[in-house]
Amino acid sequence: MAKDPKVLEAALKQIRSVREQVDPEVLESAERLARHQMGLPQRPSLALAMLERARAAGGRDRDRVLAELERQVRLRGGNTDKS
């Protein structure tokens, strides 16, 4: 592999542009599969991480975590109407 900084920077730009075009869910699936293939521990899902945060410290941050979850659902276009 070339060690020329200009070549490396050009390669990084190409990788960034491709990453921006790929669906985030596909990237997450690919990362999960790569971690599994390499025998690395799996990163917890966002839902699990938020649940653990809501339960931590006796549920003290529960309202804040639920507000953050609601914001993320709205950003992703989820329907939160209760009708």
N, C-alpha and C. Protein backbone atom coordinates (compact mmCIF):
# COMPACT_ATOMS: atom_id res chain seq x y z
N MET A 1 0.84 -1.18 0.00
CA MET A 1 0.00 0.00 0.00
C MET A 1 0.88 1.24 0.00
N ALA A 2 0.47 2.22 -0.73
CA ALA A 2 1.26 3.46 -0.85
C ALA A 2 1.23 4.22 0.46
N LYS A 3 2.35 4.83 0.79
CA LYS A 3 2.43 5.61 2.02
C LYS A 3 2.45 7.11 1.74
N ASP A 4 2.25 7.47 0.49
CA ASP A 4 2.21 8.88 0.12
C ASP A 4 0.95 9.51 0.72
N PRO A 5 1.08 10.58 1.51
CA PRO A 5 -0.09 11.19 2.15
C PRO A 5 -1.17 11.63 1.16
N LYS A 6 -0.77 12.07 -0.02
CA LYS A 6 -1.76 12.50 -1.02
C LYS A 6 -2.58 11.31 -1.52
N VAL A 7 -1.91 10.18 -1.71
CA VAL A 7 -2.60 8.98 -2.17
C VAL A 7 -3.56 8.49 -1.08
N LEU A 8 -3.10 8.49 0.17
CA LEU A 8 -3.95 8.05 1.27
C LEU A 8 -5.15 8.97 1.43
N GLU A 9 -4.94 10.27 1.33
CA GLU A 9 -6.04 11.22 1.46
C GLU A 9 -7.05 11.04 0.34
N ALA A 10 -6.58 10.79 -0.87
CA ALA A 10 -7.49 10.55 -2.00
C ALA A 10 -8.30 9.28 -1.77
N ALA A 11 -7.67 8.26 -1.25
CA ALA A 11 -8.38 7.01 -0.96
C ALA A 11 -9.43 7.22 0.12
N LEU A 12 -9.09 7.98 1.15
CA LEU A 12 -10.06 8.27 2.23
C LEU A 12 -11.25 9.07 1.70
N LYS A 13 -11.00 10.00 0.79
CA LYS A 13 -12.10 10.78 0.20
C LYS A 13 -13.04 9.85 -0.57
N GLN A 14 -12.47 8.90 -1.31
CA GLN A 14 -13.30 7.96 -2.06
C GLN A 14 -14.13 7.10 -1.12
N ILE A 15 -13.52 6.65 -0.05
CA ILE A 15 -14.25 5.81 0.91
C ILE A 15 -15.38 6.62 1.54
N ARG A 16 -15.12 7.86 1.93
CA ARG A 16 -16.16 8.71 2.52
C ARG A 16 -17.31 8.93 1.56
N SER A 17 -17.01 9.18 0.30
CA SER A 17 -18.08 9.42 -0.67
C SER A 17 -18.94 8.18 -0.87
N VAL A 18 -18.32 7.01 -0.86
CA VAL A 18 -19.08 5.77 -1.01
C VAL A 18 -19.93 5.52 0.23
N ARG A 19 -19.36 5.78 1.42
CA ARG A 19 -20.11 5.57 2.67
C ARG A 19 -21.36 6.45 2.71
N GLU A 20 -21.27 7.67 2.18
CA GLU A 20 -22.42 8.57 2.19
C GLU A 20 -23.53 8.07 1.29
N GLN A 21 -23.20 7.28 0.28
CA GLN A 21 -24.20 6.78 -0.66
C GLN A 21 -24.85 5.49 -0.18
N VAL A 22 -24.24 4.80 0.77
CA VAL A 22 -24.76 3.51 1.23
C VAL A 22 -25.76 3.72 2.36
N ASP A 23 -26.82 2.94 2.32
CA ASP A 23 -27.85 2.99 3.36
C ASP A 23 -27.22 2.67 4.72
N PRO A 24 -27.50 3.47 5.75
CA PRO A 24 -26.92 3.23 7.08
C PRO A 24 -27.23 1.84 7.64
N GLU A 25 -28.40 1.30 7.32
CA GLU A 25 -28.74 -0.04 7.80
C GLU A 25 -27.84 -1.10 7.16
N VAL A 26 -27.48 -0.89 5.90
CA VAL A 26 -26.58 -1.81 5.22
C VAL A 26 -25.19 -1.74 5.85
N LEU A 27 -24.73 -0.53 6.15
CA LEU A 27 -23.43 -0.37 6.81
C LEU A 27 -23.43 -1.07 8.17
N GLU A 28 -24.51 -0.91 8.92
CA GLU A 28 -24.59 -1.54 10.23
C GLU A 28 -24.57 -3.06 10.11
N SER A 29 -25.30 -3.59 9.14
CA SER A 29 -25.31 -5.04 8.91
C SER A 29 -23.92 -5.54 8.53
N ALA A 30 -23.25 -4.79 7.66
CA ALA A 30 -21.90 -5.18 7.24
C ALA A 30 -20.93 -5.15 8.42
N GLU A 31 -21.05 -4.13 9.25
CA GLU A 31 -20.17 -4.05 10.43
C GLU A 31 -20.43 -5.21 11.38
N ARG A 32 -21.71 -5.52 11.59
CA ARG A 32 -22.06 -6.63 12.48
C ARG A 32 -21.49 -7.95 11.97
N LEU A 33 -21.63 -8.17 10.65
CA LEU A 33 -21.11 -9.40 10.05
C LEU A 33 -19.58 -9.45 10.15
N ALA A 34 -18.92 -8.33 9.88
CA ALA A 34 -17.46 -8.28 9.96
C ALA A 34 -16.99 -8.56 11.39
N ARG A 35 -17.67 -7.97 12.38
CA ARG A 35 -17.30 -8.23 13.78
C ARG A 35 -17.47 -9.70 14.12
N HIS A 36 -18.56 -10.30 13.63
CA HIS A 36 -18.80 -11.72 13.88
C HIS A 36 -17.71 -12.58 13.25
N GLN A 37 -17.37 -12.27 11.99
CA GLN A 37 -16.35 -13.05 11.28
C GLN A 37 -14.99 -12.95 11.94
N MET A 38 -14.68 -11.78 12.53
CA MET A 38 -13.38 -11.59 13.19
C MET A 38 -13.38 -12.03 14.64
N GLY A 39 -14.53 -12.45 15.15
CA GLY A 39 -14.61 -12.91 16.52
C GLY A 39 -14.62 -11.77 17.54
N LEU A 40 -14.97 -10.57 17.10
CA LEU A 40 -15.02 -9.42 18.01
C LEU A 40 -16.39 -9.36 18.68
N PRO A 41 -16.46 -8.77 19.86
CA PRO A 41 -17.76 -8.65 20.52
C PRO A 41 -18.70 -7.75 19.71
N GLN A 42 -19.95 -8.08 19.72
CA GLN A 42 -20.94 -7.30 18.98
C GLN A 42 -21.26 -6.02 19.74
N ARG A 43 -21.46 -4.96 18.97
CA ARG A 43 -21.87 -3.69 19.57
C ARG A 43 -23.36 -3.79 19.85
N PRO A 44 -23.80 -3.37 21.03
CA PRO A 44 -25.23 -3.48 21.32
C PRO A 44 -26.05 -2.59 20.39
N SER A 45 -27.25 -3.02 20.12
CA SER A 45 -28.13 -2.22 19.26
C SER A 45 -28.50 -0.93 19.97
N LEU A 46 -28.98 0.04 19.20
CA LEU A 46 -29.38 1.32 19.77
C LEU A 46 -30.49 1.12 20.79
N ALA A 47 -31.43 0.24 20.47
CA ALA A 47 -32.55 0.00 21.38
C ALA A 47 -32.06 -0.56 22.71
N LEU A 48 -31.14 -1.51 22.65
CA LEU A 48 -30.61 -2.10 23.87
C LEU A 48 -29.81 -1.08 24.68
N ALA A 49 -29.01 -0.28 23.99
CA ALA A 49 -28.23 0.74 24.68
C ALA A 49 -29.14 1.75 25.37
N MET A 50 -30.21 2.15 24.71
CA MET A 50 -31.15 3.11 25.31
C MET A 50 -31.89 2.49 26.49
N LEU A 51 -32.24 1.22 26.37
CA LEU A 51 -32.91 0.54 27.47
C LEU A 51 -32.00 0.47 28.69
N GLU A 52 -30.72 0.14 28.47
CA GLU A 52 -29.77 0.09 29.58
C GLU A 52 -29.59 1.46 30.22
N ARG A 53 -29.55 2.51 29.39
CA ARG A 53 -29.44 3.87 29.95
C ARG A 53 -30.67 4.24 30.76
N ALA A 54 -31.86 3.82 30.28
CA ALA A 54 -33.09 4.14 31.00
C ALA A 54 -33.15 3.43 32.34
N ARG A 55 -32.61 2.23 32.41
CA ARG A 55 -32.62 1.46 33.66
C ARG A 55 -31.50 1.85 34.62
N ALA A 56 -30.44 2.45 34.10
CA ALA A 56 -29.28 2.80 34.93
C ALA A 56 -29.67 3.82 36.00
N ALA A 57 -28.96 3.78 37.08
CA ALA A 57 -29.15 4.73 38.19
C ALA A 57 -30.59 4.74 38.69
N GLY A 58 -31.18 3.58 38.75
CA GLY A 58 -32.52 3.47 39.29
C GLY A 58 -33.58 4.13 38.43
N GLY A 59 -33.31 4.31 37.14
CA GLY A 59 -34.29 4.91 36.24
C GLY A 59 -34.34 6.42 36.31
N ARG A 60 -33.31 7.01 36.87
CA ARG A 60 -33.30 8.47 37.05
C ARG A 60 -33.35 9.22 35.71
N ASP A 61 -32.71 8.68 34.68
CA ASP A 61 -32.67 9.35 33.38
C ASP A 61 -33.73 8.84 32.41
N ARG A 62 -34.69 8.10 32.92
CA ARG A 62 -35.70 7.47 32.08
C ARG A 62 -36.44 8.47 31.20
N ASP A 63 -36.88 9.58 31.77
CA ASP A 63 -37.63 10.57 30.99
C ASP A 63 -36.78 11.16 29.88
N ARG A 64 -35.51 11.43 30.17
CA ARG A 64 -34.62 12.00 29.17
C ARG A 64 -34.37 11.00 28.03
N VAL A 65 -34.18 9.73 28.39
CA VAL A 65 -33.94 8.70 27.38
C VAL A 65 -35.18 8.51 26.50
N LEU A 66 -36.37 8.51 27.12
CA LEU A 66 -37.60 8.38 26.34
C LEU A 66 -37.81 9.57 25.41
N ALA A 67 -37.47 10.77 25.87
CA ALA A 67 -37.58 11.95 25.01
C ALA A 67 -36.62 11.85 23.83
N GLU A 68 -35.41 11.36 24.08
CA GLU A 68 -34.44 11.17 23.00
C GLU A 68 -34.93 10.12 22.01
N LEU A 69 -35.50 9.04 22.51
CA LEU A 69 -36.05 8.00 21.64
C LEU A 69 -37.17 8.55 20.78
N GLU A 70 -38.05 9.34 21.37
CA GLU A 70 -39.15 9.94 20.62
C GLU A 70 -38.62 10.87 19.53
N ARG A 71 -37.58 11.63 19.83
CA ARG A 71 -36.98 12.54 18.85
C ARG A 71 -36.39 11.74 17.68
N GLN A 72 -35.71 10.63 18.00
CA GLN A 72 -35.12 9.81 16.94
C GLN A 72 -36.18 9.17 16.05
N VAL A 73 -37.27 8.76 16.65
CA VAL A 73 -38.36 8.16 15.86
C VAL A 73 -38.94 9.21 14.92
N ARG A 74 -39.11 10.42 15.42
CA ARG A 74 -39.65 11.49 14.56
C ARG A 74 -38.69 11.81 13.43
N LEU A 75 -37.38 11.85 13.71
CA LEU A 75 -36.40 12.14 12.68
C LEU A 75 -36.39 11.08 11.59
N ARG A 76 -36.63 9.86 11.96
CA ARG A 76 -36.62 8.75 10.99
C ARG A 76 -37.96 8.59 10.29
N GLY A 77 -38.91 9.42 10.64
CA GLY A 77 -40.20 9.38 9.95
C GLY A 77 -41.19 8.42 10.53
N GLY A 78 -40.96 7.98 11.76
CA GLY A 78 -41.91 7.06 12.39
C GLY A 78 -43.18 7.78 12.77
N ASN A 79 -44.28 7.07 12.76
CA ASN A 79 -45.57 7.64 13.13
C ASN A 79 -45.80 7.40 14.60
N THR A 80 -45.91 8.48 15.38
CA THR A 80 -46.10 8.35 16.83
C THR A 80 -47.49 8.76 17.25
N ASP A 81 -48.43 8.92 16.27
CA ASP A 81 -49.81 9.29 16.61
C ASP A 81 -50.46 8.16 17.41
N LYS A 82 -51.28 8.56 18.38
CA LYS A 82 -51.93 7.57 19.24
C LYS A 82 -53.39 7.36 18.82
N SER A 83 -53.76 7.76 17.63
CA SER A 83 -55.15 7.63 17.21
C SER A 83 -55.43 6.31 16.55
